[in-house]
């Protein structure tokens, strides 16, 4: 089960172009996996001098963390998804953030 942008905007304080995530692909009690294509937008709100700095990835991670918290607070836990979850990590900590760049 995935959650679309409309669901995301309803659960984040950010709206419009500052809502950076497009879809929640999967989650469990320990992690979340999201999809975003907003980094390609020429009018991205964090873009400066035609570039989107790598530090902006932290905002993507923070929004994913907020969505994960909203899902857990609502009692929404689904079975473990591939690539999601690290049971040894205490909740509330950003333990890692990674990106995979794919040209489409």
N, C-alpha and C. Protein backbone atom coordinates (compact mmCIF):
# COMPACT_ATOMS: atom_id res chain seq x y z
N UNK A 1 0.84 -1.18 0.00
CA UNK A 1 0.00 0.00 0.00
C UNK A 1 0.88 1.24 0.00
N UNK A 2 0.64 2.14 -0.94
CA UNK A 2 1.39 3.39 -0.96
C UNK A 2 0.45 4.55 -0.63
N UNK A 3 1.03 5.65 -0.24
CA UNK A 3 0.27 6.85 0.11
C UNK A 3 0.69 7.97 -0.83
N UNK A 4 -0.28 8.66 -1.42
CA UNK A 4 0.02 9.65 -2.44
C UNK A 4 0.31 11.04 -1.87
N UNK A 5 0.59 11.96 -2.78
CA UNK A 5 0.97 13.32 -2.39
C UNK A 5 -0.14 14.02 -1.61
N UNK A 6 -1.38 13.75 -1.97
CA UNK A 6 -2.48 14.39 -1.25
C UNK A 6 -2.46 13.97 0.22
N UNK A 7 -2.22 12.69 0.49
CA UNK A 7 -2.12 12.21 1.88
C UNK A 7 -0.93 12.87 2.56
N UNK A 8 0.19 12.96 1.85
CA UNK A 8 1.40 13.56 2.43
C UNK A 8 1.15 15.01 2.82
N UNK A 9 0.56 15.78 1.91
CA UNK A 9 0.31 17.20 2.21
C UNK A 9 -0.65 17.37 3.39
N UNK A 10 -1.55 16.42 3.56
CA UNK A 10 -2.49 16.50 4.68
C UNK A 10 -1.81 16.20 6.03
N UNK A 11 -0.62 15.59 5.99
CA UNK A 11 0.05 15.19 7.22
C UNK A 11 1.37 15.92 7.48
N UNK A 12 1.76 16.82 6.60
CA UNK A 12 2.95 17.63 6.81
C UNK A 12 2.55 19.08 7.02
N UNK A 13 3.38 19.83 7.69
CA UNK A 13 3.13 21.26 7.85
C UNK A 13 3.48 22.01 6.58
N UNK A 14 4.28 21.40 5.70
CA UNK A 14 4.66 22.03 4.44
C UNK A 14 3.60 21.74 3.38
N UNK A 15 3.37 22.71 2.52
CA UNK A 15 2.39 22.53 1.45
C UNK A 15 2.97 23.08 0.15
N UNK A 16 2.28 22.81 -0.92
CA UNK A 16 2.70 23.30 -2.22
C UNK A 16 4.08 22.81 -2.59
N UNK A 17 4.89 23.70 -3.13
CA UNK A 17 6.22 23.29 -3.61
C UNK A 17 7.17 22.94 -2.47
N UNK A 18 6.87 23.33 -1.25
CA UNK A 18 7.75 22.99 -0.12
C UNK A 18 7.46 21.59 0.41
N UNK A 19 6.39 20.97 -0.01
CA UNK A 19 6.14 19.55 0.27
C UNK A 19 6.98 18.79 -0.75
N UNK A 20 8.08 18.20 -0.32
CA UNK A 20 9.08 17.66 -1.23
C UNK A 20 8.87 16.21 -1.62
N UNK A 21 8.06 15.47 -0.90
CA UNK A 21 7.88 14.04 -1.17
C UNK A 21 6.63 13.81 -2.00
N UNK A 22 6.71 12.84 -2.90
CA UNK A 22 5.59 12.53 -3.79
C UNK A 22 4.78 11.32 -3.36
N UNK A 23 5.43 10.37 -2.70
CA UNK A 23 4.74 9.12 -2.38
C UNK A 23 5.45 8.40 -1.24
N UNK A 24 4.68 7.79 -0.38
CA UNK A 24 5.22 6.87 0.62
C UNK A 24 5.05 5.47 0.03
N UNK A 25 6.16 4.80 -0.20
CA UNK A 25 6.14 3.48 -0.84
C UNK A 25 5.97 2.34 0.16
N UNK A 26 6.48 2.52 1.36
CA UNK A 26 6.37 1.48 2.37
C UNK A 26 6.90 1.96 3.70
N UNK A 27 6.49 1.30 4.75
CA UNK A 27 6.95 1.66 6.08
C UNK A 27 6.70 0.50 7.02
N UNK A 28 7.39 0.52 8.12
CA UNK A 28 7.13 -0.39 9.23
C UNK A 28 7.45 0.36 10.51
N UNK A 29 7.49 -0.32 11.61
CA UNK A 29 7.71 0.34 12.89
C UNK A 29 9.08 1.00 12.98
N UNK A 30 10.03 0.56 12.17
CA UNK A 30 11.40 1.06 12.29
C UNK A 30 11.85 1.97 11.15
N UNK A 31 11.09 2.10 10.08
CA UNK A 31 11.57 2.93 8.97
C UNK A 31 10.50 3.23 7.95
N UNK A 32 10.86 4.04 6.97
CA UNK A 32 9.94 4.47 5.92
C UNK A 32 10.73 4.59 4.61
N UNK A 33 10.05 4.35 3.50
CA UNK A 33 10.65 4.49 2.18
C UNK A 33 9.73 5.37 1.35
N UNK A 34 10.28 6.47 0.81
CA UNK A 34 9.49 7.45 0.06
C UNK A 34 10.07 7.65 -1.33
N UNK A 35 9.26 8.26 -2.20
CA UNK A 35 9.70 8.60 -3.55
C UNK A 35 9.51 10.10 -3.74
N UNK A 36 10.45 10.72 -4.44
CA UNK A 36 10.36 12.16 -4.74
C UNK A 36 10.98 12.42 -6.10
N UNK A 37 10.37 13.31 -6.85
CA UNK A 37 10.94 13.78 -8.11
C UNK A 37 11.03 15.30 -8.11
N UNK A 38 10.71 15.90 -6.98
CA UNK A 38 10.67 17.36 -6.89
C UNK A 38 12.05 18.00 -7.07
N UNK A 39 13.11 17.25 -6.85
CA UNK A 39 14.46 17.79 -7.01
C UNK A 39 14.73 18.24 -8.44
N UNK A 40 13.93 17.77 -9.38
CA UNK A 40 14.09 18.14 -10.79
C UNK A 40 13.42 19.46 -11.15
N UNK A 41 12.55 19.95 -10.30
CA UNK A 41 11.77 21.16 -10.61
C UNK A 41 12.68 22.39 -10.69
N UNK A 42 12.61 23.12 -11.81
CA UNK A 42 13.46 24.31 -11.94
C UNK A 42 13.10 25.40 -10.93
N UNK A 43 11.86 25.38 -10.43
CA UNK A 43 11.44 26.38 -9.44
C UNK A 43 11.42 25.82 -8.01
N UNK A 44 12.24 24.81 -7.77
CA UNK A 44 12.34 24.20 -6.44
C UNK A 44 12.62 25.30 -5.42
N UNK A 45 11.89 25.34 -4.30
CA UNK A 45 12.06 26.43 -3.34
C UNK A 45 13.43 26.47 -2.66
N UNK A 46 14.18 25.40 -2.70
CA UNK A 46 15.50 25.38 -2.07
C UNK A 46 16.63 25.54 -3.09
N UNK A 47 16.28 25.67 -4.36
CA UNK A 47 17.29 25.83 -5.41
C UNK A 47 17.89 27.23 -5.33
N UNK A 48 19.22 27.29 -5.46
CA UNK A 48 19.92 28.58 -5.46
C UNK A 48 20.95 28.56 -6.58
N UNK A 49 20.98 29.62 -7.35
CA UNK A 49 21.93 29.75 -8.46
C UNK A 49 21.86 28.55 -9.41
N UNK A 50 20.63 28.07 -9.64
CA UNK A 50 20.42 26.96 -10.57
C UNK A 50 20.79 25.60 -10.02
N UNK A 51 21.11 25.51 -8.74
CA UNK A 51 21.55 24.23 -8.16
C UNK A 51 20.77 23.92 -6.89
N UNK A 52 20.62 22.66 -6.65
CA UNK A 52 20.02 22.18 -5.41
C UNK A 52 21.13 21.50 -4.63
N UNK A 53 21.58 22.13 -3.56
CA UNK A 53 22.71 21.62 -2.79
C UNK A 53 22.41 20.28 -2.13
N UNK A 54 23.43 19.51 -1.91
CA UNK A 54 23.26 18.19 -1.31
C UNK A 54 22.71 18.27 0.11
N UNK A 55 22.97 19.36 0.82
CA UNK A 55 22.44 19.52 2.18
C UNK A 55 20.92 19.57 2.18
N UNK A 56 20.31 19.88 1.05
CA UNK A 56 18.85 19.91 0.96
C UNK A 56 18.26 18.52 1.18
N UNK A 57 19.08 17.51 1.01
CA UNK A 57 18.63 16.14 1.25
C UNK A 57 18.17 15.95 2.69
N UNK A 58 18.71 16.74 3.60
CA UNK A 58 18.29 16.65 5.00
C UNK A 58 16.83 17.05 5.14
N UNK A 59 16.37 18.03 4.37
CA UNK A 59 14.95 18.42 4.41
C UNK A 59 14.07 17.28 3.90
N UNK A 60 14.52 16.58 2.85
CA UNK A 60 13.78 15.43 2.37
C UNK A 60 13.68 14.37 3.48
N UNK A 61 14.81 14.12 4.15
CA UNK A 61 14.82 13.14 5.24
C UNK A 61 13.93 13.58 6.39
N UNK A 62 13.96 14.87 6.72
CA UNK A 62 13.13 15.38 7.82
C UNK A 62 11.64 15.21 7.50
N UNK A 63 11.26 15.45 6.25
CA UNK A 63 9.86 15.27 5.89
C UNK A 63 9.47 13.79 5.96
N UNK A 64 10.37 12.92 5.54
CA UNK A 64 10.09 11.48 5.65
C UNK A 64 9.95 11.08 7.12
N UNK A 65 10.79 11.63 7.98
CA UNK A 65 10.70 11.33 9.42
C UNK A 65 9.37 11.80 9.99
N UNK A 66 8.92 12.98 9.57
CA UNK A 66 7.64 13.50 10.05
C UNK A 66 6.49 12.60 9.61
N UNK A 67 6.54 12.12 8.38
CA UNK A 67 5.49 11.22 7.90
C UNK A 67 5.53 9.90 8.66
N UNK A 68 6.72 9.40 8.91
CA UNK A 68 6.85 8.15 9.67
C UNK A 68 6.25 8.32 11.06
N UNK A 69 6.54 9.44 11.69
CA UNK A 69 5.96 9.72 13.00
C UNK A 69 4.45 9.80 12.96
N UNK A 70 3.91 10.42 11.91
CA UNK A 70 2.45 10.53 11.77
C UNK A 70 1.83 9.15 11.59
N UNK A 71 2.46 8.30 10.81
CA UNK A 71 1.95 6.95 10.61
C UNK A 71 1.97 6.14 11.90
N UNK A 72 3.06 6.23 12.63
CA UNK A 72 3.16 5.48 13.88
C UNK A 72 2.20 6.01 14.93
N UNK A 73 2.04 7.33 15.00
CA UNK A 73 1.12 7.93 15.98
C UNK A 73 -0.31 7.50 15.71
N UNK A 74 -0.63 7.26 14.44
CA UNK A 74 -1.98 6.83 14.08
C UNK A 74 -2.14 5.31 14.20
N UNK A 75 -1.06 4.64 14.60
CA UNK A 75 -1.13 3.18 14.73
C UNK A 75 -1.05 2.47 13.40
N UNK A 76 -0.57 3.16 12.38
CA UNK A 76 -0.46 2.58 11.04
C UNK A 76 0.89 1.88 10.89
N UNK A 77 0.91 0.60 11.10
CA UNK A 77 2.13 -0.18 10.92
C UNK A 77 1.81 -1.29 9.94
N UNK A 78 2.61 -1.38 8.89
CA UNK A 78 2.42 -2.44 7.92
C UNK A 78 3.59 -3.41 8.03
N UNK A 79 3.47 -4.60 7.45
CA UNK A 79 4.58 -5.55 7.52
C UNK A 79 5.86 -4.93 6.93
N UNK A 80 6.99 -5.40 7.40
CA UNK A 80 8.28 -4.87 6.95
C UNK A 80 8.34 -4.85 5.43
N UNK A 81 8.81 -3.75 4.89
CA UNK A 81 9.00 -3.60 3.46
C UNK A 81 10.47 -3.79 3.15
N UNK A 82 10.81 -4.30 1.96
CA UNK A 82 12.23 -4.45 1.62
C UNK A 82 12.96 -3.12 1.73
N UNK A 83 14.10 -3.12 2.38
CA UNK A 83 14.91 -1.92 2.50
C UNK A 83 14.43 -0.94 3.54
N UNK A 84 13.48 -1.34 4.36
CA UNK A 84 12.94 -0.44 5.37
C UNK A 84 13.19 -1.04 6.74
N UNK A 85 13.60 -0.19 7.65
CA UNK A 85 13.65 -0.60 9.05
C UNK A 85 15.00 -1.07 9.53
N UNK A 86 15.33 -0.62 10.70
CA UNK A 86 16.54 -1.01 11.40
C UNK A 86 16.16 -1.12 12.87
N UNK A 87 15.74 -2.31 13.31
CA UNK A 87 15.20 -2.46 14.66
C UNK A 87 16.11 -1.99 15.78
N UNK A 88 17.42 -1.95 15.59
CA UNK A 88 18.32 -1.55 16.66
C UNK A 88 18.38 -0.03 16.83
N UNK A 89 17.78 0.74 15.93
CA UNK A 89 17.83 2.20 16.01
C UNK A 89 16.67 2.72 16.85
N UNK A 90 16.94 3.48 17.91
CA UNK A 90 15.85 4.04 18.71
C UNK A 90 15.04 5.03 17.89
N UNK A 91 13.74 5.07 18.10
CA UNK A 91 12.91 6.00 17.34
C UNK A 91 13.25 7.44 17.71
N UNK A 92 13.06 8.34 16.75
CA UNK A 92 13.32 9.74 16.98
C UNK A 92 14.72 10.19 16.58
N UNK A 93 15.53 9.30 16.04
CA UNK A 93 16.87 9.65 15.62
C UNK A 93 17.02 9.47 14.12
N UNK A 94 17.62 10.45 13.46
CA UNK A 94 17.98 10.29 12.06
C UNK A 94 19.33 9.59 12.06
N UNK A 95 19.30 8.30 11.81
CA UNK A 95 20.52 7.50 11.87
C UNK A 95 21.27 7.53 10.55
N UNK A 96 20.54 7.68 9.46
CA UNK A 96 21.20 7.77 8.17
C UNK A 96 20.21 8.33 7.16
N UNK A 97 20.76 8.88 6.12
CA UNK A 97 19.95 9.36 5.00
C UNK A 97 20.73 9.05 3.75
N UNK A 98 20.09 8.43 2.79
CA UNK A 98 20.78 8.11 1.55
C UNK A 98 19.87 8.44 0.37
N UNK A 99 20.48 8.68 -0.74
CA UNK A 99 19.73 8.96 -1.95
C UNK A 99 20.24 8.07 -3.05
N UNK A 100 19.38 7.76 -3.96
CA UNK A 100 19.75 7.03 -5.15
C UNK A 100 19.36 7.91 -6.32
N UNK A 101 20.33 8.28 -7.12
CA UNK A 101 20.07 9.12 -8.27
C UNK A 101 19.79 8.25 -9.48
N UNK A 102 18.68 8.51 -10.12
CA UNK A 102 18.33 7.79 -11.35
C UNK A 102 17.88 8.81 -12.37
N UNK A 103 18.39 8.71 -13.54
CA UNK A 103 17.94 9.60 -14.61
C UNK A 103 16.73 8.98 -15.28
N UNK A 104 15.70 9.80 -15.47
CA UNK A 104 14.50 9.31 -16.15
C UNK A 104 14.17 10.21 -17.30
